[in-house]
Amino acid sequence: MDSAKKYEFRNLRNSSDKILICPNCFEMLFRDDIEHFSSCPYCNARIEVNDELEDFLLKPFVDNWISNQNRAGLDITPPEN
């Protein structure tokens, strides 16, 4: 995968979650948009997966897994972004 930074992410207000800014039309894209479409639903620009986008998509699953492991008595520290 191409590890060069290609996408811009912004924090949502009053949340630790982030959104992706479409590099073509600059619309806000949520994880659900990216998971269900291979292109921007606003301008149809192709969204190519790279390491950074993969991390963005997987973060909720990793955080949930870590939370469940910590409840089970394991001390796991989430990776820093």
PDB file of N, CA and C in Angstrom:
ATOM      1  N   MET A   1       0.833  -1.194   0.000  1.00  0.00           N
ATOM      2  CA  MET A   1       0.000   0.000   0.000  1.00  0.00           C
ATOM      3  C   MET A   1       0.870   1.247   0.000  1.00  0.00           C
ATOM      4  N   ASP A   2       0.374   2.277  -0.565  1.00  0.00           N
ATOM      5  CA  ASP A   2       1.077   3.549  -0.602  1.00  0.00           C
ATOM      6  C   ASP A   2       0.960   4.210   0.760  1.00  0.00           C
ATOM      7  N   SER A   3       2.109   4.477   1.404  1.00  0.00           N
ATOM      8  CA  SER A   3       2.068   5.050   2.746  1.00  0.00           C
ATOM      9  C   SER A   3       2.182   6.574   2.730  1.00  0.00           C
ATOM     10  N   ALA A   4       2.282   7.189   1.552  1.00  0.00           N
ATOM     11  CA  ALA A   4       2.362   8.649   1.475  1.00  0.00           C
ATOM     12  C   ALA A   4       1.041   9.259   1.930  1.00  0.00           C
ATOM     13  N   LYS A   5       1.136  10.359   2.684  1.00  0.00           N
ATOM     14  CA  LYS A   5      -0.082  11.009   3.163  1.00  0.00           C
ATOM     15  C   LYS A   5      -0.833  11.596   1.979  1.00  0.00           C
ATOM     16  N   LYS A   6      -2.103  11.224   1.891  1.00  0.00           N
ATOM     17  CA  LYS A   6      -2.900  11.651   0.758  1.00  0.00           C
ATOM     18  C   LYS A   6      -4.194  12.318   1.193  1.00  0.00           C
ATOM     19  N   TYR A   7      -4.661  11.993   2.384  1.00  0.00           N
ATOM     20  CA  TYR A   7      -5.971  12.445   2.832  1.00  0.00           C
ATOM     21  C   TYR A   7      -5.866  13.398   4.016  1.00  0.00           C
ATOM     22  N   GLU A   8      -6.888  14.239   4.128  1.00  0.00           N
ATOM     23  CA  GLU A   8      -6.978  15.162   5.261  1.00  0.00           C
ATOM     24  C   GLU A   8      -8.093  14.677   6.177  1.00  0.00           C
ATOM     25  N   PHE A   9      -7.791  14.591   7.462  1.00  0.00           N
ATOM     26  CA  PHE A   9      -8.767  14.193   8.466  1.00  0.00           C
ATOM     27  C   PHE A   9      -8.972  15.352   9.422  1.00  0.00           C
ATOM     28  N   ARG A  10     -10.196  15.491   9.912  1.00  0.00           N
ATOM     29  CA  ARG A  10     -10.503  16.534  10.897  1.00  0.00           C
ATOM     30  C   ARG A  10     -11.260  15.911  12.056  1.00  0.00           C
ATOM     31  N   ASN A  11     -11.075  16.487  13.226  1.00  0.00           N
ATOM     32  CA  ASN A  11     -11.814  16.039  14.405  1.00  0.00           C
ATOM     33  C   ASN A  11     -13.229  16.584  14.361  1.00  0.00           C
ATOM     34  N   LEU A  12     -14.170  15.770  14.803  1.00  0.00           N
ATOM     35  CA  LEU A  12     -15.547  16.232  14.949  1.00  0.00           C
ATOM     36  C   LEU A  12     -15.654  17.037  16.240  1.00  0.00           C
ATOM     37  N   ARG A  13     -16.499  18.035  16.238  1.00  0.00           N
ATOM     38  CA  ARG A  13     -16.704  18.824  17.453  1.00  0.00           C
ATOM     39  C   ARG A  13     -17.276  17.945  18.553  1.00  0.00           C
ATOM     40  N   ASN A  14     -16.796  18.176  19.766  1.00  0.00           N
ATOM     41  CA  ASN A  14     -17.289  17.467  20.953  1.00  0.00           C
ATOM     42  C   ASN A  14     -17.192  15.949  20.821  1.00  0.00           C
ATOM     43  N   SER A  15     -16.190  15.478  20.112  1.00  0.00           N
ATOM     44  CA  SER A  15     -16.021  14.040  19.925  1.00  0.00           C
ATOM     45  C   SER A  15     -14.550  13.740  19.665  1.00  0.00           C
ATOM     46  N   SER A  16     -14.158  12.527  19.982  1.00  0.00           N
ATOM     47  CA  SER A  16     -12.795  12.111  19.659  1.00  0.00           C
ATOM     48  C   SER A  16     -12.740  11.477  18.274  1.00  0.00           C
ATOM     49  N   ASP A  17     -13.892  11.373  17.624  1.00  0.00           N
ATOM     50  CA  ASP A  17     -13.967  10.775  16.295  1.00  0.00           C
ATOM     51  C   ASP A  17     -13.490  11.758  15.228  1.00  0.00           C
ATOM     52  N   LYS A  18     -13.134  11.219  14.074  1.00  0.00           N
ATOM     53  CA  LYS A  18     -12.645  12.044  12.965  1.00  0.00           C
ATOM     54  C   LYS A  18     -13.488  11.810  11.724  1.00  0.00           C
ATOM     55  N   ILE A  19     -13.354  12.731  10.786  1.00  0.00           N
ATOM     56  CA  ILE A  19     -13.974  12.603   9.474  1.00  0.00           C
ATOM     57  C   ILE A  19     -12.887  12.777   8.419  1.00  0.00           C
ATOM     58  N   LEU A  20     -13.154  12.278   7.248  1.00  0.00           N
ATOM     59  CA  LEU A  20     -12.252  12.435   6.110  1.00  0.00           C
ATOM     60  C   LEU A  20     -12.788  13.552   5.237  1.00  0.00           C
ATOM     61  N   ILE A  21     -11.904  14.399   4.751  1.00  0.00           N
ATOM     62  CA  ILE A  21     -12.278  15.448   3.808  1.00  0.00           C
ATOM     63  C   ILE A  21     -11.944  14.942   2.406  1.00  0.00           C
ATOM     64  N   CYS A  22     -12.944  14.940   1.537  1.00  0.00           N
ATOM     65  CA  CYS A  22     -12.713  14.488   0.162  1.00  0.00           C
ATOM     66  C   CYS A  22     -11.644  15.377  -0.477  1.00  0.00           C
ATOM     67  N   PRO A  23     -10.602  14.776  -1.050  1.00  0.00           N
ATOM     68  CA  PRO A  23      -9.543  15.577  -1.661  1.00  0.00           C
ATOM     69  C   PRO A  23      -9.985  16.302  -2.934  1.00  0.00           C
ATOM     70  N   ASN A  24     -11.131  15.938  -3.478  1.00  0.00           N
ATOM     71  CA  ASN A  24     -11.603  16.551  -4.713  1.00  0.00           C
ATOM     72  C   ASN A  24     -12.628  17.658  -4.464  1.00  0.00           C
ATOM     73  N   CYS A  25     -13.695  17.352  -3.716  1.00  0.00           N
ATOM     74  CA  CYS A  25     -14.775  18.333  -3.517  1.00  0.00           C
ATOM     75  C   CYS A  25     -14.799  18.927  -2.108  1.00  0.00           C
ATOM     76  N   PHE A  26     -13.962  18.411  -1.216  1.00  0.00           N
ATOM     77  CA  PHE A  26     -13.811  18.911   0.157  1.00  0.00           C
ATOM     78  C   PHE A  26     -15.045  18.706   1.031  1.00  0.00           C
ATOM     79  N   GLU A  27     -15.925  17.787   0.649  1.00  0.00           N
ATOM     80  CA  GLU A  27     -17.066  17.422   1.497  1.00  0.00           C
ATOM     81  C   GLU A  27     -16.575  16.539   2.645  1.00  0.00           C
ATOM     82  N   MET A  28     -17.321  16.548   3.745  1.00  0.00           N
ATOM     83  CA  MET A  28     -16.997  15.703   4.885  1.00  0.00           C
ATOM     84  C   MET A  28     -17.516  14.292   4.631  1.00  0.00           C
ATOM     85  N   LEU A  29     -16.636  13.312   4.801  1.00  0.00           N
ATOM     86  CA  LEU A  29     -17.014  11.915   4.620  1.00  0.00           C
ATOM     87  C   LEU A  29     -16.835  11.177   5.942  1.00  0.00           C
ATOM     88  N   PHE A  30     -17.857  10.452   6.329  1.00  0.00           N
ATOM     89  CA  PHE A  30     -17.806   9.674   7.553  1.00  0.00           C
ATOM     90  C   PHE A  30     -17.348   8.259   7.238  1.00  0.00           C
ATOM     91  N   ARG A  31     -16.989   7.504   8.270  1.00  0.00           N
ATOM     92  CA  ARG A  31     -16.529   6.134   8.054  1.00  0.00           C
ATOM     93  C   ARG A  31     -17.538   5.329   7.241  1.00  0.00           C
ATOM     94  N   ASP A  32     -18.817   5.482   7.562  1.00  0.00           N
ATOM     95  CA  ASP A  32     -19.850   4.734   6.828  1.00  0.00           C
ATOM     96  C   ASP A  32     -19.832   5.047   5.335  1.00  0.00           C
ATOM     97  N   ASP A  33     -19.586   6.303   4.991  1.00  0.00           N
ATOM     98  CA  ASP A  33     -19.503   6.677   3.571  1.00  0.00           C
ATOM     99  C   ASP A  33     -18.390   5.902   2.882  1.00  0.00           C
ATOM    100  N   ILE A  34     -17.250   5.838   3.534  1.00  0.00           N
ATOM    101  CA  ILE A  34     -16.075   5.205   2.930  1.00  0.00           C
ATOM    102  C   ILE A  34     -16.224   3.689   2.906  1.00  0.00           C
ATOM    103  N   GLU A  35     -16.842   3.134   3.959  1.00  0.00           N
ATOM    104  CA  GLU A  35     -17.029   1.687   4.011  1.00  0.00           C
ATOM    105  C   GLU A  35     -18.019   1.197   2.955  1.00  0.00           C
ATOM    106  N   HIS A  36     -18.992   2.023   2.582  1.00  0.00           N
ATOM    107  CA  HIS A  36     -20.033   1.592   1.652  1.00  0.00           C
ATOM    108  C   HIS A  36     -19.807   2.023   0.204  1.00  0.00           C
ATOM    109  N   PHE A  37     -18.935   2.970  -0.010  1.00  0.00           N
ATOM    110  CA  PHE A  37     -18.693   3.476  -1.367  1.00  0.00           C
ATOM    111  C   PHE A  37     -17.199   3.459  -1.661  1.00  0.00           C
ATOM    112  N   SER A  38     -16.818   3.130  -2.874  1.00  0.00           N
ATOM    113  CA  SER A  38     -15.402   3.180  -3.261  1.00  0.00           C
ATOM    114  C   SER A  38     -15.043   4.534  -3.860  1.00  0.00           C
ATOM    115  N   SER A  39     -16.044   5.418  -3.914  1.00  0.00           N
ATOM    116  CA  SER A  39     -15.808   6.778  -4.399  1.00  0.00           C
ATOM    117  C   SER A  39     -16.632   7.743  -3.554  1.00  0.00           C
ATOM    118  N   CYS A  40     -16.301   9.005  -3.631  1.00  0.00           N
ATOM    119  CA  CYS A  40     -17.019  10.035  -2.876  1.00  0.00           C
ATOM    120  C   CYS A  40     -18.477  10.068  -3.353  1.00  0.00           C
ATOM    121  N   PRO A  41     -19.450   9.999  -2.432  1.00  0.00           N
ATOM    122  CA  PRO A  41     -20.851  10.039  -2.853  1.00  0.00           C
ATOM    123  C   PRO A  41     -21.290  11.405  -3.380  1.00  0.00           C
ATOM    124  N   TYR A  42     -20.464  12.427  -3.201  1.00  0.00           N
ATOM    125  CA  TYR A  42     -20.815  13.778  -3.660  1.00  0.00           C
ATOM    126  C   TYR A  42     -20.254  14.094  -5.045  1.00  0.00           C
ATOM    127  N   CYS A  43     -18.988  13.700  -5.290  1.00  0.00           N
ATOM    128  CA  CYS A  43     -18.359  14.080  -6.562  1.00  0.00           C
ATOM    129  C   CYS A  43     -17.865  12.881  -7.374  1.00  0.00           C
ATOM    130  N   ASN A  44     -18.006  11.681  -6.815  1.00  0.00           N
ATOM    131  CA  ASN A  44     -17.611  10.446  -7.479  1.00  0.00           C
ATOM    132  C   ASN A  44     -16.094  10.280  -7.630  1.00  0.00           C
ATOM    133  N   ALA A  45     -15.300  11.042  -6.880  1.00  0.00           N
ATOM    134  CA  ALA A  45     -13.842  10.875  -6.910  1.00  0.00           C
ATOM    135  C   ALA A  45     -13.489   9.549  -6.243  1.00  0.00           C
ATOM    136  N   ARG A  46     -12.623   8.793  -6.862  1.00  0.00           N
ATOM    137  CA  ARG A  46     -12.223   7.487  -6.325  1.00  0.00           C
ATOM    138  C   ARG A  46     -11.441   7.663  -5.032  1.00  0.00           C
ATOM    139  N   ILE A  47     -11.783   6.858  -4.048  1.00  0.00           N
ATOM    140  CA  ILE A  47     -11.081   6.877  -2.763  1.00  0.00           C
ATOM    141  C   ILE A  47     -10.210   5.630  -2.709  1.00  0.00           C
ATOM    142  N   GLU A  48      -8.917   5.831  -2.817  1.00  0.00           N
ATOM    143  CA  GLU A  48      -7.986   4.713  -2.831  1.00  0.00           C
ATOM    144  C   GLU A  48      -7.484   4.456  -1.419  1.00  0.00           C
ATOM    145  N   VAL A  49      -7.459   3.194  -1.062  1.00  0.00           N
ATOM    146  CA  VAL A  49      -7.050   2.810   0.284  1.00  0.00           C
ATOM    147  C   VAL A  49      -5.533   2.862   0.392  1.00  0.00           C
ATOM    148  N   ASN A  50      -5.061   3.540   1.438  1.00  0.00           N
ATOM    149  CA  ASN A  50      -3.648   3.522   1.786  1.00  0.00           C
ATOM    150  C   ASN A  50      -3.566   3.220   3.282  1.00  0.00           C
ATOM    151  N   ASP A  51      -2.371   3.188   3.840  1.00  0.00           N
ATOM    152  CA  ASP A  51      -2.200   2.852   5.254  1.00  0.00           C
ATOM    153  C   ASP A  51      -2.970   3.802   6.158  1.00  0.00           C
ATOM    154  N   GLU A  52      -2.932   5.072   5.840  1.00  0.00           N
ATOM    155  CA  GLU A  52      -3.590   6.088   6.656  1.00  0.00           C
ATOM    156  C   GLU A  52      -5.113   5.906   6.652  1.00  0.00           C
ATOM    157  N   LEU A  53      -5.687   5.640   5.504  1.00  0.00           N
ATOM    158  CA  LEU A  53      -7.132   5.431   5.405  1.00  0.00           C
ATOM    159  C   LEU A  53      -7.532   4.122   6.089  1.00  0.00           C
ATOM    160  N   GLU A  54      -6.713   3.112   5.950  1.00  0.00           N
ATOM    161  CA  GLU A  54      -6.986   1.838   6.615  1.00  0.00           C
ATOM    162  C   GLU A  54      -7.001   2.015   8.136  1.00  0.00           C
ATOM    163  N   ASP A  55      -6.051   2.761   8.671  1.00  0.00           N
ATOM    164  CA  ASP A  55      -6.031   3.048  10.112  1.00  0.00           C
ATOM    165  C   ASP A  55      -7.289   3.789  10.537  1.00  0.00           C
ATOM    166  N   PHE A  56      -7.708   4.757   9.739  1.00  0.00           N
ATOM    167  CA  PHE A  56      -8.924   5.531  10.021  1.00  0.00           C
ATOM    168  C   PHE A  56     -10.146   4.612  10.084  1.00  0.00           C
ATOM    169  N   LEU A  57     -10.249   3.679   9.160  1.00  0.00           N
ATOM    170  CA  LEU A  57     -11.402   2.786   9.110  1.00  0.00           C
ATOM    171  C   LEU A  57     -11.389   1.753  10.235  1.00  0.00           C
ATOM    172  N   LEU A  58     -10.209   1.281  10.605  1.00  0.00           N
ATOM    173  CA  LEU A  58     -10.112   0.216  11.602  1.00  0.00           C
ATOM    174  C   LEU A  58     -10.078   0.706  13.045  1.00  0.00           C
ATOM    175  N   LYS A  59      -9.846   1.989  13.269  1.00  0.00           N
ATOM    176  CA  LYS A  59      -9.688   2.509  14.627  1.00  0.00           C
ATOM    177  C   LYS A  59     -10.836   2.140  15.566  1.00  0.00           C
ATOM    178  N   PRO A  60     -12.112   2.280  15.190  1.00  0.00           N
ATOM    179  CA  PRO A  60     -13.186   1.908  16.126  1.00  0.00           C
ATOM    180  C   PRO A  60     -13.145   0.427  16.521  1.00  0.00           C
ATOM    181  N   PHE A  61     -12.786  -0.437  15.592  1.00  0.00           N
ATOM    182  CA  PHE A  61     -12.715  -1.864  15.890  1.00  0.00           C
ATOM    183  C   PHE A  61     -11.556  -2.169  16.831  1.00  0.00           C
ATOM    184  N   VAL A  62     -10.414  -1.534  16.592  1.00  0.00           N
ATOM    185  CA  VAL A  62      -9.250  -1.731  17.450  1.00  0.00           C
ATOM    186  C   VAL A  62      -9.535  -1.187  18.849  1.00  0.00           C
ATOM    187  N   ASP A  63     -10.109   0.001  18.937  1.00  0.00           N
ATOM    188  CA  ASP A  63     -10.445   0.585  20.242  1.00  0.00           C
ATOM    189  C   ASP A  63     -11.428  -0.296  21.002  1.00  0.00           C
ATOM    190  N   ASN A  64     -12.426  -0.840  20.318  1.00  0.00           N
ATOM    191  CA  ASN A  64     -13.399  -1.730  20.948  1.00  0.00           C
ATOM    192  C   ASN A  64     -12.725  -3.004  21.443  1.00  0.00           C
ATOM    193  N   TRP A  65     -11.854  -3.566  20.637  1.00  0.00           N
ATOM    194  CA  TRP A  65     -11.143  -4.780  21.026  1.00  0.00           C
ATOM    195  C   TRP A  65     -10.288  -4.524  22.258  1.00  0.00           C
ATOM    196  N   ILE A  66      -9.555  -3.414  22.268  1.00  0.00           N
ATOM    197  CA  ILE A  66      -8.709  -3.073  23.414  1.00  0.00           C
ATOM    198  C   ILE A  66      -9.559  -2.881  24.662  1.00  0.00           C
ATOM    199  N   SER A  67     -10.683  -2.206  24.523  1.00  0.00           N
ATOM    200  CA  SER A  67     -11.586  -1.990  25.651  1.00  0.00           C
ATOM    201  C   SER A  67     -12.075  -3.322  26.221  1.00  0.00           C
ATOM    202  N   ASN A  68     -12.434  -4.243  25.353  1.00  0.00           N
ATOM    203  CA  ASN A  68     -12.894  -5.560  25.807  1.00  0.00           C
ATOM    204  C   ASN A  68     -11.781  -6.341  26.489  1.00  0.00           C
ATOM    205  N   GLN A  69     -10.557  -6.223  25.992  1.00  0.00           N
ATOM    206  CA  GLN A  69      -9.435  -6.921  26.611  1.00  0.00           C
ATOM    207  C   GLN A  69      -9.138  -6.339  27.991  1.00  0.00           C
ATOM    208  N   ASN A  70      -9.230  -5.017  28.115  1.00  0.00           N
ATOM    209  CA  ASN A  70      -8.982  -4.377  29.404  1.00  0.00           C
ATOM    210  C   ASN A  70     -10.030  -4.796  30.429  1.00  0.00           C
ATOM    211  N   ARG A  71     -11.286  -4.964  29.996  1.00  0.00           N
ATOM    212  CA  ARG A  71     -12.337  -5.431  30.905  1.00  0.00           C
ATOM    213  C   ARG A  71     -12.084  -6.866  31.339  1.00  0.00           C
ATOM    214  N   ALA A  72     -11.376  -7.615  30.518  1.00  0.00           N
ATOM    215  CA  ALA A  72     -11.072  -9.005  30.844  1.00  0.00           C
ATOM    216  C   ALA A  72      -9.858  -9.113  31.762  1.00  0.00           C
ATOM    217  N   GLY A  73      -9.277  -7.974  32.137  1.00  0.00           N
ATOM    218  CA  GLY A  73      -8.148  -7.992  33.057  1.00  0.00           C
ATOM    219  C   GLY A  73      -6.790  -7.876  32.402  1.00  0.00           C
ATOM    220  N   LEU A  74      -6.750  -7.741  31.105  1.00  0.00           N
ATOM    221  CA  LEU A  74      -5.475  -7.562  30.414  1.00  0.00           C
ATOM    222  C   LEU A  74      -5.180  -6.078  30.300  1.00  0.00           C
ATOM    223  N   ASP A  75      -3.936  -5.706  30.486  1.00  0.00           N
ATOM    224  CA  ASP A  75      -3.560  -4.295  30.396  1.00  0.00           C
ATOM    225  C   ASP A  75      -2.981  -4.027  29.014  1.00  0.00           C
ATOM    226  N   ILE A  76      -3.816  -3.507  28.129  1.00  0.00           N
ATOM    227  CA  ILE A  76      -3.394  -3.210  26.758  1.00  0.00           C
ATOM    228  C   ILE A  76      -3.551  -1.716  26.530  1.00  0.00           C
ATOM    229  N   THR A  77      -2.495  -1.089  26.064  1.00  0.00           N
ATOM    230  CA  THR A  77      -2.512   0.348  25.802  1.00  0.00           C
ATOM    231  C   THR A  77      -2.760   0.580  24.319  1.00  0.00           C
ATOM    232  N   PRO A  78      -3.738   1.449  23.972  1.00  0.00           N
ATOM    233  CA  PRO A  78      -3.991   1.718  22.549  1.00  0.00           C
ATOM    234  C   PRO A  78      -2.809   2.423  21.898  1.00  0.00           C
ATOM    235  N   PRO A  79      -2.592   2.181  20.609  1.00  0.00           N
ATOM    236  CA  PRO A  79      -1.504   2.868  19.905  1.00  0.00           C
ATOM    237  C   PRO A  79      -1.782   4.358  19.794  1.00  0.00           C
ATOM    238  N   GLU A  80      -0.718   5.135  19.800  1.00  0.00           N
ATOM    239  CA  GLU A  80      -0.866   6.584  19.644  1.00  0.00           C
ATOM    240  C   GLU A  80      -0.961   6.921  18.175  1.00  0.00           C
ATOM    241  N   ASN A  81      -1.765   7.943  17.868  1.00  0.00           N
ATOM    242  CA  ASN A  81      -1.909   8.383  16.471  1.00  0.00           C
ATOM    243  C   ASN A  81      -0.957   9.488  16.179  1.00  0.00           C
TER     244      ASN A  81
END
